[in-house]
Protein backbone atom coordinates (compact mmCIF):
# COMPACT_ATOMS: atom_id res chain seq x y z
CA MET A 1 0.00 0.00 0.00
CA LYS A 2 1.39 3.35 -1.01
CA ASN A 3 1.99 5.91 1.70
CA ALA A 4 0.78 9.48 1.08
CA SER A 5 3.64 11.50 -0.37
CA LEU A 6 4.39 15.22 -0.25
CA PRO A 7 5.59 17.72 -2.82
CA ILE A 8 8.66 19.81 -2.01
CA SER A 9 8.93 23.49 -2.90
CA ILE A 10 12.35 25.16 -2.80
CA GLU A 11 12.53 28.91 -3.38
CA LYS A 12 15.64 31.11 -3.50
CA ILE A 13 17.66 28.81 -1.23
CA THR A 14 21.12 30.27 -0.62
CA LYS A 15 24.11 28.93 1.30
CA LYS A 16 27.55 30.57 1.34
CA TYR A 17 30.82 29.42 2.84
CA GLY A 18 32.96 32.53 3.00
CA SER A 19 32.63 34.20 -0.39
CA THR A 20 31.71 30.96 -2.19
CA TYR A 21 28.12 30.01 -2.97
CA ALA A 22 27.39 26.36 -2.22
CA LEU A 23 23.79 27.11 -3.23
CA ASP A 24 23.05 30.18 -5.31
CA HIS A 25 19.36 31.17 -5.08
CA VAL A 26 18.08 27.72 -6.01
CA ASP A 27 14.45 27.30 -7.12
CA LEU A 28 13.10 23.77 -7.50
CA GLU A 29 9.65 22.17 -7.44
CA ILE A 30 9.62 18.44 -6.67
CA ARG A 31 6.34 16.70 -7.41
CA SER A 32 4.51 14.48 -4.97
CA GLY A 33 5.63 10.86 -5.44
CA GLU A 34 8.41 11.82 -7.85
CA PHE A 35 11.87 10.27 -7.99
CA LEU A 36 14.13 13.27 -8.57
CA THR A 37 17.90 13.01 -8.79
CA LEU A 38 20.35 15.79 -7.95
CA LEU A 39 23.26 15.13 -10.31
CA GLY A 40 26.56 16.96 -10.42
CA PRO A 41 30.32 16.78 -9.87
CA SER A 42 31.98 16.95 -6.45
CA GLY A 43 31.50 20.38 -4.92
CA SER A 44 28.55 21.27 -7.14
CA GLY A 45 26.12 21.80 -4.25
CA LYS A 46 23.95 18.71 -4.62
CA THR A 47 24.73 17.25 -1.16
CA THR A 48 24.38 20.68 0.44
CA LEU A 49 20.89 20.94 -1.03
CA LEU A 50 20.02 17.48 0.29
CA THR A 51 21.24 18.37 3.81
CA VAL A 52 19.14 21.54 3.68
CA LEU A 53 16.10 19.34 2.95
CA ALA A 54 17.08 17.00 5.80
CA GLY A 55 17.58 19.90 8.23
CA PHE A 56 21.27 19.25 8.84
CA THR A 57 22.25 22.51 7.09
CA ARG A 58 20.54 25.83 7.77
CA PRO A 59 20.42 27.95 4.62
CA ASP A 60 21.34 31.64 4.69
CA GLY A 61 18.10 32.52 2.97
CA GLY A 62 15.14 31.15 1.10
CA SER A 63 12.22 28.80 1.71
CA VAL A 64 11.73 25.03 1.87
CA LYS A 65 8.19 23.69 2.08
CA PHE A 66 7.00 20.11 2.47
CA GLY A 67 3.47 20.40 1.17
CA ASP A 68 2.23 23.69 2.64
CA THR A 69 4.50 23.62 5.72
CA GLU A 70 7.61 25.79 5.93
CA MET A 71 10.53 23.63 7.09
CA VAL A 72 13.62 25.87 7.21
CA CYS A 73 13.49 26.28 11.01
CA VAL A 74 12.19 22.76 11.77
CA PRO A 75 14.88 20.52 13.36
CA PRO A 76 15.84 17.28 11.54
CA HIS A 77 14.12 14.89 13.98
CA GLN A 78 10.79 16.67 13.45
CA ARG A 79 10.83 16.60 9.64
CA ASP A 80 9.65 13.00 9.39
CA VAL A 81 11.86 12.15 6.42
CA GLY A 82 13.66 8.88 5.73
CA MET A 83 17.39 9.22 5.12
CA VAL A 84 19.79 6.73 3.55
CA PHE A 85 23.46 7.66 3.83
CA GLN A 86 26.47 6.80 1.69
CA ASN A 87 28.09 4.79 4.50
CA TYR A 88 24.76 3.23 5.66
CA ALA A 89 25.29 4.56 9.27
CA LEU A 90 24.18 1.25 10.81
CA PHE A 91 24.79 0.45 14.50
CA PRO A 92 27.34 -2.42 14.58
CA HIS A 93 26.39 -3.50 18.13
CA MET A 94 22.74 -4.03 17.16
CA THR A 95 21.11 -6.85 15.22
CA VAL A 96 19.46 -6.22 11.86
CA ALA A 97 16.02 -6.04 13.48
CA GLU A 98 17.24 -3.66 16.20
CA ASN A 99 18.74 -1.37 13.57
CA VAL A 100 15.52 -1.29 11.60
CA ALA A 101 13.44 -0.78 14.75
CA TYR A 102 15.49 2.18 15.98
CA PRO A 103 13.40 4.92 14.25
CA LEU A 104 10.27 3.35 15.77
CA LYS A 105 11.85 3.24 19.23
CA ILE A 106 12.61 6.97 19.27
CA ARG A 107 9.04 7.62 18.11
CA GLY A 108 7.60 5.54 20.95
CA VAL A 109 6.38 2.64 18.81
CA LYS A 110 6.95 -0.60 20.72
CA GLY A 111 5.87 -4.20 21.11
CA LEU A 112 3.99 -6.21 18.53
CA GLN A 113 3.29 -3.18 16.35
CA ALA A 114 7.00 -2.38 16.07
CA GLN A 115 7.86 -6.02 15.40
CA GLU A 116 5.31 -6.30 12.61
CA ARG A 117 6.54 -3.10 10.94
CA VAL A 118 10.17 -4.24 11.15
CA GLU A 119 9.31 -7.60 9.60
CA ARG A 120 7.28 -5.92 6.87
CA SER A 121 10.12 -3.54 6.03
CA LEU A 122 12.66 -6.37 5.88
CA GLU A 123 10.35 -8.35 3.59
CA MET A 124 10.09 -5.35 1.25
CA VAL A 125 13.87 -5.28 0.82
CA ARG A 126 14.06 -9.08 0.51
CA LEU A 127 15.69 -9.65 3.90
CA GLY A 128 12.89 -11.59 5.57
CA GLY A 129 14.37 -13.87 8.25
CA TYR A 130 17.54 -11.79 8.66
CA GLY A 131 16.37 -9.94 11.76
CA LYS A 132 18.56 -11.77 14.28
CA ARG A 133 21.78 -11.47 12.29
CA GLY A 134 24.58 -9.12 13.25
CA ILE A 135 25.58 -6.29 10.93
CA ASP A 136 29.06 -7.79 10.52
CA GLN A 137 27.47 -10.93 9.06
CA LEU A 138 26.06 -9.05 6.06
CA SER A 139 27.42 -8.28 2.62
CA GLY A 140 27.58 -4.73 1.29
CA GLY A 141 24.35 -5.15 -0.63
CA GLN A 142 22.57 -6.57 2.43
CA LYS A 143 23.76 -3.65 4.57
CA GLN A 144 22.36 -1.30 1.96
CA ARG A 145 19.00 -3.05 2.19
CA VAL A 146 19.00 -2.81 6.00
CA ALA A 147 19.66 0.93 5.77
CA LEU A 148 16.78 1.26 3.32
CA ALA A 149 14.44 -0.79 5.53
CA ARG A 150 15.34 1.40 8.52
CA ALA A 151 14.66 4.57 6.52
CA MET A 152 11.17 3.48 5.49
CA VAL A 153 10.00 1.54 8.57
CA PHE A 154 8.21 4.57 10.03
CA GLU A 155 6.50 5.22 6.68
CA PRO A 156 7.89 8.67 5.83
CA ARG A 157 6.32 10.64 3.02
CA ILE A 158 9.70 11.90 1.82
CA MET A 159 12.88 9.83 1.29
CA LEU A 160 16.32 11.42 0.95
CA MET A 161 19.27 9.37 -0.35
CA ASP A 162 22.91 10.52 -0.41
CA GLU A 163 24.90 8.37 -2.89
CA PRO A 164 23.65 5.16 -1.21
CA LEU A 165 25.11 2.80 -3.82
CA SER A 166 28.58 4.29 -4.22
CA ALA A 167 30.30 1.67 -2.02
CA LEU A 168 28.97 -1.29 -4.03
CA ASP A 169 30.71 -3.03 -6.92
CA LYS A 170 29.46 -2.33 -10.45
CA GLN A 171 27.28 -5.43 -10.89
CA LEU A 172 25.60 -5.14 -7.48
CA ARG A 173 25.18 -1.41 -7.92
CA GLU A 174 23.33 -1.84 -11.21
CA HIS A 175 21.12 -4.52 -9.63
CA MET A 176 20.30 -2.27 -6.67
CA GLN A 177 19.44 0.62 -8.99
CA ILE A 178 16.63 -1.46 -10.48
CA GLU A 179 15.51 -2.67 -7.04
CA LEU A 180 15.39 0.86 -5.63
CA ARG A 181 13.40 2.08 -8.59
CA GLN A 182 10.89 -0.78 -8.28
CA LEU A 183 10.56 -0.17 -4.55
CA HIS A 184 9.92 3.52 -5.15
CA GLU A 185 7.16 2.70 -7.62
CA LYS A 186 5.60 0.36 -5.07
CA LEU A 187 5.71 2.77 -2.12
CA GLY A 188 5.19 6.08 -3.94
CA MET A 189 7.29 8.20 -1.58
CA THR A 190 8.66 11.50 -2.85
CA THR A 191 12.34 10.65 -3.29
CA VAL A 192 15.32 12.98 -3.67
CA TYR A 193 18.46 11.09 -4.68
CA VAL A 194 22.01 12.46 -4.85
CA THR A 195 24.62 10.97 -7.17
CA HIS A 196 27.55 11.96 -9.38
CA ASP A 197 26.99 8.87 -11.56
CA GLN A 198 25.31 9.87 -14.82
CA ARG A 199 24.19 6.38 -15.80
CA GLU A 200 22.66 5.85 -12.36
CA ALA A 201 20.67 9.07 -12.70
CA LEU A 202 19.45 8.16 -16.19
CA THR A 203 18.41 4.69 -15.00
CA MET A 204 16.45 5.63 -11.90
CA SER A 205 14.95 9.09 -12.24
CA ASP A 206 11.63 10.58 -13.24
CA ARG A 207 13.50 13.87 -13.60
CA ILE A 208 17.10 14.98 -13.13
CA ALA A 209 18.35 18.32 -11.79
CA VAL A 210 21.90 18.85 -13.07
CA ILE A 211 23.75 21.11 -10.60
CA ASN A 212 27.03 23.01 -10.90
CA PHE A 213 28.46 25.89 -8.87
CA GLY A 214 25.36 25.87 -6.68
CA LYS A 215 22.99 26.46 -9.60
CA ILE A 216 20.59 24.19 -11.45
CA MET A 217 21.87 24.00 -15.01
CA GLN A 218 18.95 21.95 -16.34
CA LEU A 219 15.87 20.21 -14.92
CA ASP A 220 14.18 17.69 -17.17
CA THR A 221 13.48 14.03 -17.91
CA PRO A 222 16.45 11.69 -18.41
CA ARG A 223 15.79 11.46 -22.16
CA ALA A 224 15.53 15.24 -22.60
CA ILE A 225 18.66 15.85 -20.50
CA TYR A 226 20.64 13.42 -22.64
CA GLU A 227 19.25 14.20 -26.09
CA ARG A 228 18.58 17.95 -25.72
CA PRO A 229 21.07 19.40 -23.19
CA LEU A 230 20.70 23.14 -22.63
CA ASN A 231 24.41 23.93 -22.48
CA LYS A 232 27.88 22.51 -22.92
CA PHE A 233 28.30 21.63 -19.24
CA VAL A 234 25.23 19.39 -19.25
CA ALA A 235 26.20 17.85 -22.60
CA GLU A 236 29.71 17.06 -21.32
CA PHE A 237 28.58 15.78 -17.95
CA ILE A 238 25.87 13.48 -19.35
CA GLY A 239 27.51 11.05 -21.74
CA GLU A 240 30.35 11.52 -24.24
CA SER A 241 30.43 14.34 -26.76
CA THR A 242 32.62 16.13 -29.26
CA PHE A 243 31.95 19.83 -29.84
CA LEU A 244 32.63 21.58 -33.13
CA PRO A 245 32.57 25.39 -33.35
CA VAL A 246 30.13 26.25 -36.12
CA GLN A 247 28.53 29.22 -37.77
CA ILE A 248 24.77 28.80 -38.00
CA GLU A 249 22.40 30.55 -40.36
CA LYS A 250 18.86 29.62 -41.36
CA GLY A 251 19.06 26.16 -39.86
CA ILE A 252 22.43 25.27 -41.43
CA ALA A 253 25.52 24.84 -39.22
CA ARG A 254 28.82 25.19 -41.06
CA PHE A 255 32.15 23.76 -39.92
CA SER A 256 35.14 24.02 -42.26
CA ASN A 257 33.85 22.71 -45.59
CA PHE A 258 30.99 20.73 -44.02
CA SER A 259 27.36 21.81 -43.71
CA PHE A 260 24.93 20.30 -41.21
CA LYS A 261 21.16 20.65 -41.38
CA THR A 262 19.82 21.13 -37.86
CA LEU A 263 16.64 19.77 -36.35
CA HIS A 264 14.82 23.11 -36.28
CA ASN A 265 15.09 25.18 -39.43
CA ASP A 266 15.10 28.50 -37.58
CA SER A 267 16.39 31.92 -38.59
CA ARG A 268 19.21 32.24 -36.05
CA HIS A 269 22.72 33.07 -37.10
CA GLY A 270 26.11 33.42 -35.46
CA SER A 271 28.60 31.31 -33.52
CA ALA A 272 27.44 28.08 -31.90
CA LEU A 273 28.62 24.60 -30.89
CA LEU A 274 27.65 21.42 -32.72
CA MET A 275 27.35 18.45 -30.33
CA LEU A 276 28.23 15.02 -31.71
CA ARG A 277 27.43 11.97 -29.58
CA PRO A 278 29.75 9.03 -30.52
CA GLU A 279 26.96 6.44 -30.51
CA ARG A 280 24.77 8.60 -32.79
CA LEU A 281 27.40 8.64 -35.55
CA LYS A 282 27.36 6.00 -38.29
CA VAL A 283 30.19 4.80 -40.50
CA LEU A 284 28.83 4.42 -44.02
CA GLY A 285 29.88 1.46 -46.13
CA GLU A 286 31.69 2.06 -49.42
CA GLN A 287 28.53 1.42 -51.46
CA GLU A 288 26.11 2.87 -48.92
CA ASN A 289 24.31 6.13 -49.61
CA SER A 290 22.97 8.52 -46.98
CA ASN A 291 19.75 10.44 -47.57
CA SER A 292 18.20 13.82 -46.80
CA GLU A 293 17.54 12.77 -43.22
CA PHE A 294 21.29 12.56 -42.57
CA ASN A 295 24.25 14.89 -42.55
CA GLU A 296 27.44 13.40 -43.98
CA PHE A 297 31.09 14.35 -43.51
CA SER A 298 34.45 12.70 -44.20
CA ALA A 299 37.22 11.92 -41.72
CA GLN A 300 40.43 9.92 -41.54
CA LEU A 301 40.58 6.93 -39.22
CA VAL A 302 43.24 7.25 -36.50
CA HIS A 303 42.67 3.98 -34.64
CA VAL A 304 40.05 1.54 -33.35
CA VAL A 305 39.72 0.58 -29.68
CA TYR A 306 37.91 -2.71 -29.03
CA GLN A 307 35.79 -2.50 -25.84
CA GLY A 308 33.79 -5.71 -25.86
CA ASP A 309 30.23 -5.13 -27.01
CA SER A 310 31.22 -1.86 -28.68
CA SER A 311 34.30 -0.38 -30.33
CA LEU A 312 35.49 3.23 -30.25
CA LEU A 313 36.81 4.74 -33.46
CA GLU A 314 38.87 7.92 -33.33
CA VAL A 315 38.67 9.83 -36.58
CA LYS A 316 40.37 13.06 -37.60
CA LEU A 317 38.74 15.90 -39.49
CA PRO A 318 40.68 17.99 -42.05
CA ASP A 319 41.48 20.63 -39.42
CA GLU A 320 42.97 17.91 -37.12
CA THR A 321 39.94 17.87 -34.77
CA VAL A 322 39.47 14.36 -33.35
CA VAL A 323 35.91 12.97 -33.26
CA GLN A 324 34.91 9.72 -31.56
CA VAL A 325 32.53 7.25 -33.17
CA ARG A 326 31.09 4.33 -31.19
CA MET A 327 29.71 1.30 -33.01
CA PRO A 328 28.68 -2.25 -32.04
CA SER A 329 31.74 -4.49 -32.31
CA ILE A 330 29.72 -7.01 -34.33
CA GLU A 331 29.45 -4.41 -37.10
CA LEU A 332 33.22 -4.12 -37.49
CA GLN A 333 33.23 -7.14 -39.79
CA ASN A 334 30.92 -5.31 -42.19
CA HIS A 335 33.62 -2.72 -42.87
CA GLN A 336 36.72 -3.85 -44.73
CA ASN A 337 38.48 -0.47 -44.67
CA LEU A 338 38.81 0.16 -40.93
CA LEU A 339 42.58 0.54 -41.00
CA PRO A 340 44.52 3.57 -39.69
CA GLY A 341 44.71 6.23 -42.38
CA ALA A 342 41.54 5.11 -44.18
CA LEU A 343 39.18 7.85 -45.31
CA LEU A 344 35.70 7.22 -43.90
CA ARG A 345 32.28 8.66 -44.57
CA ILE A 346 30.46 9.48 -41.35
CA ALA A 347 26.74 10.22 -41.09
CA VAL A 348 24.61 11.72 -38.32
CA SER A 349 20.84 12.05 -38.56
CA VAL A 350 19.33 15.53 -38.64
CA GLN A 351 17.33 14.41 -35.58
CA ASP A 352 20.62 13.96 -33.68
CA THR A 353 22.27 17.14 -34.98
CA VAL A 354 22.11 19.24 -31.83
CA VAL A 355 23.47 22.77 -31.77
CA LEU A 356 24.21 24.55 -28.51
CA SER A 357 23.96 28.31 -28.82
CA ALA A 358 26.38 30.73 -27.17
CA GLU A 359 23.59 31.58 -24.72
CA GLY A 360 23.26 27.94 -23.65
CA GLY A 361 20.08 26.86 -25.47
CA THR A 362 19.70 24.09 -28.03
CA SER A 363 18.30 23.88 -31.53
């Protein structure tokens, strides 16, 4: 049964350390029941924003509301939010059940009611029957599940997570990403999740807020963030890209002797950046023709790097700019001319020809 969730409204939140803004007048509306990820590099302000929501950091100015209630001056223990930390913060001298029951104990929930809620929470994270085990008897993934069970045992309407999967190995981390997402859909709690891992954010989120220098650079769905970034920082931080300086006029972006039709045939003109995603580029066969839905350019192959399921081709444009092209390794056998020095024809669809303007928008 889904617990009632709450929207979060953040207005003009500011936090300075000396002369440096950790949060610079941040505005953000988080929908009820949404899974929103704060994504950014180290020092971007994402964890500071999360600790403001948790009540561990008092902002210098601004407003935070859970529903209609102002929370800036409310202490952490009265905010009724679940919190999952990067290091799990479990009590090593307690059993699994005692760890999970701790939030109930400090809220005065005891006896059979507490026991039933602990067992239900452990079942939700697939740790039924683990209640009597010690924390030191658990794997990293099991400890993560205990921390999650403890955070949700008192049925909070808001869940805050600070890089909870960063200590896990790659395979377990990817498995837990799917589990967390499924659990969120089942419980319906408003969830704010902090990570610096782009793939994790794309996998789990309803929306992503990309943060840098204490400001939100873009707020949108994972697909929109990846395919239509608003500026170079977002484009570089989410996925791989090569940027070509172009002159754009009437929907045509020109670089050297190449012309690229852009997605929107607008009337803008001037300097801009053409974003090329490696996996959106296609190496054309010798007898293969592109069509009006594609832009085509030529480049010289520098070398091929085999990476298992895919291979990375580095190609050089006439002005010595290096562009990366990613293709499924199984397709390598379809091309007989993939030797260093070979002249290749590269195509990119007009749909994937994204231009970032000097002001930071896309076309």
